Amino acid sequence: MNTILAVVGLSMGVTAVAVSADELIQIDLSVVNEMVLTSTNGNSAITATGSDFSGILLDGILGGSGGVNFNFMDFSDFSSAQNPTSGFPGLWQGGNGTDTGLNIFAMSTDANLDFTAGSRAFTGEIRMRLNATFYNNLVAGNTSGNIYFPAEDDSQIPGAEILGTYRVIPAPSGLALLGLGGIAAGRRRR
């Protein structure tokens, strides 16, 4: 009987920890050396206010070191849905360029970012041309993961909360491109 109660108690504890999180951001890498980060209509999993300077962290999105600081932003109106956009958010890779998380900060003209559970989390998008190192690090990273708030780098994840999730639209694979080339060559022979 004690064993059964312990198992029931353990499964109840695990259930209590589970977080239902909407997809809040999509990152399109389908064009080489470009990134389009777009907000979805997804709702925040939490109610929280935190520093815009700390911002959000896309956990595990980077598969390598360096390259984040040398990029050109073409356009941005991305921000928390409850705060006005700054028009020029910052991107940062912590751990002296070794963290796997990507920090997005200074997205608003407000000092703090506000999120309300059950309400849309973000609006807008970021369009950037990327250097090859940063682009390749995004391609090598996770294709989905958690968004933490507030968090500047991987070391702050334990003190942050899961706001929602992100998903990467992958880069064109070399194999797929070769396949398309083969189809074109085959059509030409006929």
N, C-alpha and C. Protein backbone atom coordinates (compact mmCIF):
# COMPACT_ATOMS: atom_id res chain seq x y z
N MET A 1 0.83 -1.19 0.00
CA MET A 1 0.00 0.00 0.00
C MET A 1 0.88 1.25 0.00
N ASN A 2 1.94 1.27 0.82
CA ASN A 2 2.82 2.44 0.85
C ASN A 2 3.48 2.66 -0.51
N THR A 3 3.84 1.58 -1.20
CA THR A 3 4.45 1.70 -2.53
C THR A 3 3.48 2.33 -3.51
N ILE A 4 2.24 1.92 -3.49
CA ILE A 4 1.22 2.48 -4.40
C ILE A 4 1.02 3.96 -4.13
N LEU A 5 0.95 4.36 -2.88
CA LEU A 5 0.79 5.77 -2.54
C LEU A 5 1.99 6.59 -2.98
N ALA A 6 3.18 6.01 -2.84
CA ALA A 6 4.39 6.73 -3.26
C ALA A 6 4.38 6.96 -4.76
N VAL A 7 3.98 5.96 -5.54
CA VAL A 7 3.92 6.09 -7.00
C VAL A 7 2.87 7.12 -7.39
N VAL A 8 1.70 7.08 -6.76
CA VAL A 8 0.65 8.06 -7.03
C VAL A 8 1.14 9.46 -6.68
N GLY A 9 1.79 9.60 -5.55
CA GLY A 9 2.32 10.90 -5.14
C GLY A 9 3.37 11.41 -6.10
N LEU A 10 4.24 10.51 -6.58
CA LEU A 10 5.27 10.90 -7.53
C LEU A 10 4.65 11.35 -8.85
N SER A 11 3.69 10.61 -9.36
CA SER A 11 3.08 10.99 -10.63
C SER A 11 2.30 12.29 -10.50
N MET A 12 1.69 12.53 -9.36
CA MET A 12 0.99 13.81 -9.15
C MET A 12 1.98 14.95 -9.12
N GLY A 13 3.14 14.73 -8.52
CA GLY A 13 4.16 15.78 -8.46
C GLY A 13 4.69 16.12 -9.85
N VAL A 14 4.90 15.12 -10.68
CA VAL A 14 5.39 15.36 -12.04
C VAL A 14 4.34 16.11 -12.85
N THR A 15 3.08 15.75 -12.68
CA THR A 15 2.01 16.44 -13.39
C THR A 15 1.94 17.90 -13.01
N ALA A 16 2.16 18.21 -11.76
CA ALA A 16 2.08 19.59 -11.28
C ALA A 16 3.18 20.45 -11.88
N VAL A 17 4.32 19.85 -12.25
CA VAL A 17 5.45 20.60 -12.79
C VAL A 17 5.26 20.89 -14.29
N ALA A 18 4.49 20.07 -14.99
CA ALA A 18 4.32 20.24 -16.43
C ALA A 18 3.73 21.61 -16.75
N VAL A 19 4.28 22.25 -17.78
CA VAL A 19 3.82 23.56 -18.21
C VAL A 19 3.23 23.44 -19.61
N SER A 20 2.05 23.95 -19.78
CA SER A 20 1.44 24.00 -21.10
C SER A 20 1.87 25.32 -21.73
N ALA A 21 2.66 25.24 -22.79
CA ALA A 21 3.21 26.45 -23.38
C ALA A 21 2.91 26.51 -24.87
N ASP A 22 2.37 27.65 -25.31
CA ASP A 22 2.10 27.89 -26.72
C ASP A 22 3.39 28.18 -27.48
N GLU A 23 3.37 27.94 -28.79
CA GLU A 23 4.45 28.39 -29.65
C GLU A 23 4.27 29.88 -29.84
N LEU A 24 5.28 30.66 -29.45
CA LEU A 24 5.19 32.12 -29.48
C LEU A 24 5.99 32.75 -30.61
N ILE A 25 7.05 32.05 -31.04
CA ILE A 25 7.97 32.61 -32.04
C ILE A 25 8.33 31.54 -33.05
N GLN A 26 8.37 31.94 -34.32
CA GLN A 26 8.89 31.09 -35.40
C GLN A 26 10.12 31.78 -35.98
N ILE A 27 11.18 31.02 -36.21
CA ILE A 27 12.41 31.55 -36.79
C ILE A 27 12.62 30.88 -38.13
N ASP A 28 12.53 31.65 -39.20
CA ASP A 28 12.67 31.13 -40.56
C ASP A 28 14.12 31.29 -41.03
N LEU A 29 14.77 30.17 -41.31
CA LEU A 29 16.15 30.17 -41.81
C LEU A 29 16.22 29.62 -43.23
N SER A 30 15.11 29.65 -43.95
CA SER A 30 15.05 29.02 -45.27
C SER A 30 15.86 29.75 -46.34
N VAL A 31 16.28 30.98 -46.08
CA VAL A 31 17.16 31.71 -47.00
C VAL A 31 18.54 31.78 -46.33
N VAL A 32 19.57 31.32 -47.01
CA VAL A 32 20.92 31.28 -46.45
C VAL A 32 21.36 32.68 -46.01
N ASN A 33 21.92 32.74 -44.80
CA ASN A 33 22.44 33.97 -44.18
C ASN A 33 21.37 35.02 -43.91
N GLU A 34 20.12 34.57 -43.76
CA GLU A 34 19.04 35.46 -43.36
C GLU A 34 18.20 34.79 -42.29
N MET A 35 17.62 35.60 -41.42
CA MET A 35 16.72 35.12 -40.38
C MET A 35 15.51 36.03 -40.34
N VAL A 36 14.32 35.40 -40.31
CA VAL A 36 13.09 36.14 -40.08
C VAL A 36 12.46 35.53 -38.84
N LEU A 37 12.43 36.29 -37.77
CA LEU A 37 11.84 35.88 -36.50
C LEU A 37 10.45 36.52 -36.44
N THR A 38 9.41 35.70 -36.35
CA THR A 38 8.04 36.19 -36.40
C THR A 38 7.26 35.76 -35.17
N SER A 39 6.50 36.68 -34.61
CA SER A 39 5.63 36.33 -33.49
C SER A 39 4.44 35.54 -34.02
N THR A 40 3.90 34.67 -33.19
CA THR A 40 2.67 33.96 -33.53
C THR A 40 1.54 34.59 -32.70
N ASN A 41 0.36 34.03 -32.82
CA ASN A 41 -0.76 34.49 -31.98
C ASN A 41 -0.78 33.78 -30.63
N GLY A 42 0.30 33.04 -30.32
CA GLY A 42 0.37 32.25 -29.09
C GLY A 42 0.29 33.10 -27.84
N ASN A 43 -0.27 32.50 -26.80
CA ASN A 43 -0.47 33.18 -25.52
C ASN A 43 0.63 32.85 -24.51
N SER A 44 0.95 33.81 -23.69
CA SER A 44 1.94 33.64 -22.63
C SER A 44 1.47 32.59 -21.64
N ALA A 45 2.40 31.76 -21.16
CA ALA A 45 2.09 30.76 -20.15
C ALA A 45 2.11 31.35 -18.74
N ILE A 46 2.68 32.56 -18.60
CA ILE A 46 2.86 33.15 -17.27
C ILE A 46 2.43 34.62 -17.25
N THR A 47 2.19 35.11 -16.06
CA THR A 47 2.04 36.54 -15.83
C THR A 47 3.32 37.00 -15.16
N ALA A 48 4.01 37.93 -15.81
CA ALA A 48 5.30 38.37 -15.28
C ALA A 48 5.67 39.74 -15.84
N THR A 49 6.45 40.46 -15.06
CA THR A 49 7.05 41.72 -15.47
C THR A 49 8.53 41.63 -15.16
N GLY A 50 9.36 42.02 -16.12
CA GLY A 50 10.80 41.97 -15.91
C GLY A 50 11.50 42.97 -16.80
N SER A 51 12.77 43.15 -16.54
CA SER A 51 13.57 44.13 -17.24
C SER A 51 13.67 43.84 -18.74
N ASP A 52 13.44 44.87 -19.55
CA ASP A 52 13.63 44.76 -20.99
C ASP A 52 15.11 44.59 -21.31
N PHE A 53 15.98 45.06 -20.42
CA PHE A 53 17.42 44.89 -20.62
C PHE A 53 17.81 43.42 -20.48
N SER A 54 17.12 42.69 -19.60
CA SER A 54 17.36 41.24 -19.49
C SER A 54 16.71 40.51 -20.65
N GLY A 55 15.47 40.84 -20.97
CA GLY A 55 14.79 40.28 -22.12
C GLY A 55 14.44 38.81 -22.00
N ILE A 56 14.36 38.15 -23.16
CA ILE A 56 13.97 36.73 -23.24
C ILE A 56 15.15 35.91 -23.72
N LEU A 57 15.11 34.61 -23.45
CA LEU A 57 16.16 33.71 -23.89
C LEU A 57 15.55 32.54 -24.64
N LEU A 58 15.99 32.34 -25.88
CA LEU A 58 15.58 31.18 -26.68
C LEU A 58 16.58 30.07 -26.38
N ASP A 59 16.19 29.15 -25.52
CA ASP A 59 17.09 28.12 -25.01
C ASP A 59 17.47 27.10 -26.08
N GLY A 60 18.76 26.88 -26.25
CA GLY A 60 19.26 25.83 -27.12
C GLY A 60 19.21 26.11 -28.61
N ILE A 61 18.92 27.33 -29.00
CA ILE A 61 18.77 27.63 -30.43
C ILE A 61 20.11 27.73 -31.16
N LEU A 62 21.19 27.93 -30.42
CA LEU A 62 22.51 28.07 -31.05
C LEU A 62 23.32 26.79 -30.89
N GLY A 63 23.91 26.32 -31.97
CA GLY A 63 24.68 25.10 -31.93
C GLY A 63 26.18 25.34 -31.99
N GLY A 64 26.62 26.56 -31.77
CA GLY A 64 28.04 26.86 -31.82
C GLY A 64 28.35 28.20 -31.19
N SER A 65 29.61 28.59 -31.23
CA SER A 65 30.08 29.80 -30.57
C SER A 65 30.27 30.94 -31.56
N GLY A 66 30.00 32.15 -31.07
CA GLY A 66 30.35 33.37 -31.79
C GLY A 66 29.42 33.73 -32.94
N GLY A 67 29.68 34.93 -33.49
CA GLY A 67 28.97 35.39 -34.66
C GLY A 67 27.76 36.26 -34.41
N VAL A 68 27.28 36.34 -33.17
CA VAL A 68 26.05 37.07 -32.89
C VAL A 68 26.21 38.57 -33.08
N ASN A 69 27.35 39.12 -32.84
CA ASN A 69 27.51 40.58 -32.82
C ASN A 69 27.74 41.22 -34.19
N PHE A 70 27.82 40.47 -35.25
CA PHE A 70 28.16 41.04 -36.55
C PHE A 70 27.07 40.76 -37.58
N ASN A 71 25.96 41.45 -37.44
CA ASN A 71 24.79 41.23 -38.30
C ASN A 71 24.12 42.56 -38.60
N PHE A 72 23.28 42.57 -39.63
CA PHE A 72 22.60 43.79 -40.02
C PHE A 72 21.10 43.58 -39.94
N MET A 73 20.44 44.38 -39.12
CA MET A 73 18.99 44.29 -38.97
C MET A 73 18.33 45.11 -40.07
N ASP A 74 17.52 44.42 -40.88
CA ASP A 74 16.81 45.09 -41.95
C ASP A 74 15.54 45.78 -41.44
N PHE A 75 14.87 45.13 -40.47
CA PHE A 75 13.59 45.64 -40.01
C PHE A 75 13.23 44.97 -38.69
N SER A 76 12.59 45.72 -37.80
CA SER A 76 12.03 45.11 -36.60
C SER A 76 10.89 45.95 -36.06
N ASP A 77 9.78 45.28 -35.78
CA ASP A 77 8.70 45.87 -34.99
C ASP A 77 8.31 44.88 -33.89
N PHE A 78 9.25 44.00 -33.56
CA PHE A 78 9.04 42.93 -32.58
C PHE A 78 9.07 43.48 -31.15
N SER A 79 8.10 43.04 -30.35
CA SER A 79 8.07 43.42 -28.93
C SER A 79 7.07 42.55 -28.20
N SER A 80 7.06 42.69 -26.88
CA SER A 80 5.98 42.11 -26.08
C SER A 80 4.68 42.74 -26.56
N ALA A 81 3.61 41.97 -26.61
CA ALA A 81 2.33 42.49 -27.10
C ALA A 81 1.80 43.62 -26.22
N GLN A 82 2.27 43.71 -24.98
CA GLN A 82 1.80 44.74 -24.07
C GLN A 82 2.71 45.97 -23.98
N ASN A 83 3.79 45.97 -24.79
CA ASN A 83 4.75 47.08 -24.74
C ASN A 83 5.07 47.57 -26.14
N PRO A 84 5.32 48.89 -26.30
CA PRO A 84 5.66 49.43 -27.62
C PRO A 84 7.04 48.95 -28.07
N THR A 85 7.21 48.79 -29.38
CA THR A 85 8.49 48.34 -29.92
C THR A 85 9.54 49.45 -29.89
N SER A 86 10.79 49.06 -29.72
CA SER A 86 11.90 50.01 -29.81
C SER A 86 12.34 50.17 -31.26
N GLY A 87 11.99 49.18 -32.11
CA GLY A 87 12.39 49.20 -33.50
C GLY A 87 13.79 48.66 -33.74
N PHE A 88 14.53 48.36 -32.66
CA PHE A 88 15.89 47.87 -32.82
C PHE A 88 16.30 47.03 -31.61
N PRO A 89 15.78 45.80 -31.51
CA PRO A 89 16.15 44.96 -30.37
C PRO A 89 17.59 44.48 -30.46
N GLY A 90 18.16 44.13 -29.33
CA GLY A 90 19.51 43.58 -29.30
C GLY A 90 19.47 42.06 -29.26
N LEU A 91 20.48 41.44 -29.86
CA LEU A 91 20.67 40.00 -29.79
C LEU A 91 22.01 39.75 -29.13
N TRP A 92 22.05 38.74 -28.24
CA TRP A 92 23.28 38.50 -27.49
C TRP A 92 23.42 37.02 -27.17
N GLN A 93 24.65 36.53 -27.24
CA GLN A 93 24.98 35.16 -26.84
C GLN A 93 25.87 35.25 -25.62
N GLY A 94 25.38 34.77 -24.47
CA GLY A 94 26.12 34.84 -23.21
C GLY A 94 27.27 33.86 -23.15
N GLY A 95 27.89 33.80 -21.96
CA GLY A 95 29.00 32.88 -21.74
C GLY A 95 30.20 33.19 -22.62
N ASN A 96 30.43 34.49 -22.86
CA ASN A 96 31.50 34.91 -23.76
C ASN A 96 31.37 34.24 -25.13
N GLY A 97 30.13 34.13 -25.60
CA GLY A 97 29.86 33.57 -26.92
C GLY A 97 29.78 32.06 -26.96
N THR A 98 29.65 31.40 -25.79
CA THR A 98 29.60 29.93 -25.78
C THR A 98 28.24 29.36 -25.38
N ASP A 99 27.32 30.18 -24.86
CA ASP A 99 26.00 29.69 -24.47
C ASP A 99 25.24 29.18 -25.69
N THR A 100 24.29 28.28 -25.46
CA THR A 100 23.46 27.78 -26.55
C THR A 100 22.17 28.59 -26.67
N GLY A 101 21.92 29.48 -25.73
CA GLY A 101 20.72 30.32 -25.78
C GLY A 101 20.99 31.64 -26.48
N LEU A 102 19.95 32.18 -27.11
CA LEU A 102 20.03 33.50 -27.75
C LEU A 102 19.15 34.46 -26.98
N ASN A 103 19.74 35.54 -26.49
CA ASN A 103 19.03 36.56 -25.74
C ASN A 103 18.53 37.65 -26.69
N ILE A 104 17.25 38.01 -26.55
CA ILE A 104 16.68 39.14 -27.28
C ILE A 104 16.24 40.15 -26.23
N PHE A 105 16.79 41.36 -26.31
CA PHE A 105 16.54 42.37 -25.29
C PHE A 105 16.37 43.74 -25.95
N ALA A 106 16.02 44.74 -25.15
CA ALA A 106 15.83 46.11 -25.64
C ALA A 106 14.84 46.15 -26.80
N MET A 107 13.81 45.31 -26.72
CA MET A 107 12.81 45.25 -27.79
C MET A 107 11.74 46.32 -27.65
N SER A 108 11.67 46.96 -26.47
CA SER A 108 10.64 47.95 -26.20
C SER A 108 11.25 49.28 -25.78
N THR A 109 10.48 50.33 -25.92
CA THR A 109 10.90 51.63 -25.38
C THR A 109 10.61 51.71 -23.89
N ASP A 110 9.83 50.76 -23.37
CA ASP A 110 9.57 50.69 -21.92
C ASP A 110 10.74 50.03 -21.21
N ALA A 111 10.94 50.36 -19.96
CA ALA A 111 12.02 49.77 -19.17
C ALA A 111 11.74 48.30 -18.84
N ASN A 112 10.46 47.95 -18.72
CA ASN A 112 10.08 46.58 -18.38
C ASN A 112 9.22 45.98 -19.48
N LEU A 113 9.27 44.65 -19.58
CA LEU A 113 8.38 43.90 -20.46
C LEU A 113 7.30 43.28 -19.60
N ASP A 114 6.08 43.27 -20.11
CA ASP A 114 4.94 42.72 -19.37
C ASP A 114 4.32 41.58 -20.17
N PHE A 115 3.98 40.51 -19.47
CA PHE A 115 3.30 39.36 -20.06
C PHE A 115 2.17 38.95 -19.13
N THR A 116 1.02 38.58 -19.70
CA THR A 116 -0.13 38.13 -18.94
C THR A 116 -0.51 36.73 -19.42
N ALA A 117 -0.60 35.80 -18.48
CA ALA A 117 -0.97 34.42 -18.82
C ALA A 117 -2.29 34.41 -19.57
N GLY A 118 -2.33 33.66 -20.67
CA GLY A 118 -3.55 33.56 -21.47
C GLY A 118 -3.74 34.67 -22.47
N SER A 119 -2.82 35.65 -22.51
CA SER A 119 -2.90 36.75 -23.49
C SER A 119 -1.73 36.64 -24.47
N ARG A 120 -1.95 37.19 -25.66
CA ARG A 120 -0.90 37.14 -26.68
C ARG A 120 0.41 37.66 -26.11
N ALA A 121 1.51 36.94 -26.40
CA ALA A 121 2.80 37.28 -25.81
C ALA A 121 3.58 38.32 -26.61
N PHE A 122 3.64 38.16 -27.93
CA PHE A 122 4.48 39.03 -28.76
C PHE A 122 3.72 39.53 -29.98
N THR A 123 4.23 40.61 -30.57
CA THR A 123 3.76 41.10 -31.86
C THR A 123 4.99 41.41 -32.71
N GLY A 124 4.79 41.38 -34.03
CA GLY A 124 5.83 41.84 -34.94
C GLY A 124 6.84 40.79 -35.34
N GLU A 125 7.91 41.29 -35.98
CA GLU A 125 8.96 40.41 -36.48
C GLU A 125 10.30 41.12 -36.49
N ILE A 126 11.34 40.33 -36.66
CA ILE A 126 12.71 40.82 -36.85
C ILE A 126 13.21 40.20 -38.14
N ARG A 127 13.72 41.02 -39.07
CA ARG A 127 14.35 40.52 -40.30
C ARG A 127 15.80 40.94 -40.28
N MET A 128 16.70 39.96 -40.44
CA MET A 128 18.14 40.23 -40.37
C MET A 128 18.90 39.50 -41.44
N ARG A 129 19.95 40.15 -41.95
CA ARG A 129 20.98 39.47 -42.74
C ARG A 129 22.06 39.07 -41.75
N LEU A 130 22.52 37.82 -41.83
CA LEU A 130 23.44 37.28 -40.84
C LEU A 130 24.80 36.96 -41.43
N ASN A 131 25.83 37.05 -40.60
CA ASN A 131 27.12 36.54 -41.05
C ASN A 131 27.05 35.02 -41.06
N ALA A 132 27.94 34.38 -41.79
CA ALA A 132 27.90 32.93 -41.96
C ALA A 132 28.04 32.18 -40.64
N THR A 133 28.86 32.70 -39.72
CA THR A 133 29.06 32.02 -38.44
C THR A 133 27.76 31.96 -37.64
N PHE A 134 27.08 33.09 -37.52
CA PHE A 134 25.83 33.14 -36.76
C PHE A 134 24.77 32.28 -37.43
N TYR A 135 24.64 32.38 -38.75
CA TYR A 135 23.66 31.59 -39.47
C TYR A 135 23.91 30.09 -39.25
N ASN A 136 25.15 29.66 -39.40
CA ASN A 136 25.49 28.25 -39.22
C ASN A 136 25.24 27.78 -37.79
N ASN A 137 25.44 28.66 -36.81
CA ASN A 137 25.15 28.31 -35.41
C ASN A 137 23.65 28.12 -35.20
N LEU A 138 22.83 28.93 -35.87
CA LEU A 138 21.38 28.75 -35.79
C LEU A 138 20.95 27.45 -36.46
N VAL A 139 21.53 27.15 -37.62
CA VAL A 139 21.20 25.92 -38.34
C VAL A 139 21.59 24.69 -37.51
N ALA A 140 22.69 24.78 -36.77
CA ALA A 140 23.18 23.65 -35.97
C ALA A 140 22.46 23.52 -34.63
N GLY A 141 21.68 24.51 -34.24
CA GLY A 141 20.99 24.48 -32.95
C GLY A 141 19.72 23.67 -32.98
N ASN A 142 19.01 23.69 -31.87
CA ASN A 142 17.73 22.97 -31.75
C ASN A 142 16.69 23.56 -32.70
N THR A 143 15.77 22.73 -33.16
CA THR A 143 14.71 23.20 -34.04
C THR A 143 13.48 23.66 -33.26
N SER A 144 13.50 23.47 -31.95
CA SER A 144 12.44 23.98 -31.08
C SER A 144 12.97 24.01 -29.66
N GLY A 145 12.32 24.79 -28.82
CA GLY A 145 12.75 24.87 -27.43
C GLY A 145 11.92 25.85 -26.65
N ASN A 146 12.32 26.05 -25.41
CA ASN A 146 11.61 26.95 -24.50
C ASN A 146 12.11 28.37 -24.60
N ILE A 147 11.21 29.31 -24.35
CA ILE A 147 11.55 30.73 -24.22
C ILE A 147 11.46 31.04 -22.75
N TYR A 148 12.57 31.51 -22.16
CA TYR A 148 12.61 31.85 -20.73
C TYR A 148 12.55 33.36 -20.55
N PHE A 149 11.92 33.78 -19.45
CA PHE A 149 11.81 35.20 -19.10
C PHE A 149 11.84 35.37 -17.59
N PRO A 150 12.49 36.40 -17.08
CA PRO A 150 13.54 37.17 -17.72
C PRO A 150 14.86 36.39 -17.65
N ALA A 151 15.62 36.43 -18.71
CA ALA A 151 16.90 35.72 -18.74
C ALA A 151 17.80 36.30 -19.83
N GLU A 152 19.03 36.60 -19.44
CA GLU A 152 20.02 37.12 -20.38
C GLU A 152 20.90 36.03 -20.97
N ASP A 153 21.16 34.97 -20.17
CA ASP A 153 22.05 33.91 -20.63
C ASP A 153 21.65 32.59 -19.97
N ASP A 154 22.34 31.52 -20.36
CA ASP A 154 21.99 30.18 -19.88
C ASP A 154 22.04 30.07 -18.36
N SER A 155 22.94 30.82 -17.72
CA SER A 155 23.07 30.72 -16.26
C SER A 155 21.85 31.24 -15.52
N GLN A 156 20.98 32.02 -16.19
CA GLN A 156 19.80 32.59 -15.53
C GLN A 156 18.53 31.75 -15.72
N ILE A 157 18.64 30.65 -16.44
CA ILE A 157 17.46 29.79 -16.66
C ILE A 157 16.85 29.30 -15.35
N PRO A 158 17.66 28.87 -14.36
CA PRO A 158 17.04 28.37 -13.11
C PRO A 158 16.15 29.40 -12.40
N GLY A 159 16.41 30.68 -12.57
CA GLY A 159 15.62 31.71 -11.92
C GLY A 159 14.52 32.30 -12.79
N ALA A 160 14.44 31.83 -14.03
CA ALA A 160 13.46 32.36 -14.98
C ALA A 160 12.28 31.39 -15.10
N GLU A 161 11.25 31.84 -15.81
CA GLU A 161 10.06 31.01 -16.04
C GLU A 161 9.89 30.76 -17.53
N ILE A 162 9.22 29.66 -17.86
CA ILE A 162 8.94 29.36 -19.27
C ILE A 162 7.76 30.20 -19.72
N LEU A 163 8.04 31.06 -20.68
CA LEU A 163 7.04 31.96 -21.25
C LEU A 163 6.23 31.26 -22.34
N GLY A 164 6.90 30.41 -23.10
CA GLY A 164 6.30 29.69 -24.21
C GLY A 164 7.40 28.95 -24.94
N THR A 165 7.18 28.65 -26.23
CA THR A 165 8.17 27.92 -27.02
C THR A 165 8.45 28.64 -28.33
N TYR A 166 9.55 28.22 -28.97
CA TYR A 166 9.89 28.70 -30.32
C TYR A 166 10.03 27.50 -31.24
N ARG A 167 9.96 27.75 -32.54
CA ARG A 167 10.18 26.71 -33.54
C ARG A 167 10.97 27.30 -34.70
N VAL A 168 11.94 26.53 -35.17
CA VAL A 168 12.78 26.96 -36.29
C VAL A 168 12.28 26.31 -37.58
N ILE A 169 12.10 27.13 -38.61
CA ILE A 169 11.83 26.64 -39.95
C ILE A 169 13.22 26.44 -40.56
N PRO A 170 13.61 25.18 -40.80
CA PRO A 170 15.01 24.90 -41.10
C PRO A 170 15.52 25.47 -42.42
N ALA A 171 16.83 25.52 -42.46
CA ALA A 171 17.53 25.95 -43.66
C ALA A 171 17.38 24.89 -44.73
N PRO A 172 17.52 25.29 -45.98
CA PRO A 172 17.48 24.28 -47.04
C PRO A 172 18.66 23.33 -46.87
N SER A 173 18.40 22.04 -46.92
CA SER A 173 19.49 21.08 -46.74
C SER A 173 20.21 20.87 -48.06
N GLY A 174 21.49 20.58 -47.96
CA GLY A 174 22.28 20.33 -49.16
C GLY A 174 21.74 19.16 -49.95
N LEU A 175 21.24 18.13 -49.23
CA LEU A 175 20.70 16.96 -49.90
C LEU A 175 19.45 17.32 -50.71
N ALA A 176 18.59 18.14 -50.14
CA ALA A 176 17.38 18.55 -50.87
C ALA A 176 17.74 19.37 -52.10
N LEU A 177 18.73 20.23 -51.96
CA LEU A 177 19.16 21.03 -53.11
C LEU A 177 19.76 20.15 -54.20
N LEU A 178 20.54 19.14 -53.81
CA LEU A 178 21.09 18.21 -54.80
C LEU A 178 19.96 17.46 -55.50
N GLY A 179 18.95 17.07 -54.74
CA GLY A 179 17.79 16.37 -55.32
C GLY A 179 17.09 17.23 -56.35
N LEU A 180 16.92 18.51 -56.06
CA LEU A 180 16.29 19.42 -57.02
C LEU A 180 17.16 19.56 -58.27
N GLY A 181 18.48 19.60 -58.07
CA GLY A 181 19.39 19.69 -59.21
C GLY A 181 19.29 18.45 -60.09
N GLY A 182 19.16 17.27 -59.45
CA GLY A 182 19.00 16.02 -60.18
C GLY A 182 17.72 15.99 -60.99
N ILE A 183 16.66 16.50 -60.43
CA ILE A 183 15.38 16.57 -61.14
C ILE A 183 15.51 17.48 -62.37
N ALA A 184 16.14 18.61 -62.18
CA ALA A 184 16.33 19.55 -63.29
C ALA A 184 17.19 18.93 -64.39
N ALA A 185 18.25 18.22 -64.01
CA ALA A 185 19.14 17.59 -64.98
C ALA A 185 18.39 16.49 -65.74
N GLY A 186 17.56 15.72 -65.02
CA GLY A 186 16.78 14.66 -65.64
C GLY A 186 15.78 15.20 -66.65
N ARG A 187 15.19 16.32 -66.34
CA ARG A 187 14.20 16.94 -67.24
C ARG A 187 14.90 17.45 -68.50
N ARG A 188 16.13 17.91 -68.35
CA ARG A 188 16.86 18.48 -69.46
C ARG A 188 17.24 17.41 -70.49
N ARG A 189 17.51 16.18 -70.01
CA ARG A 189 17.91 15.09 -70.91
C ARG A 189 16.79 14.66 -71.82
N ARG A 190 15.57 14.80 -71.43
CA ARG A 190 14.42 14.30 -72.22
C ARG A 190 14.22 15.13 -73.40
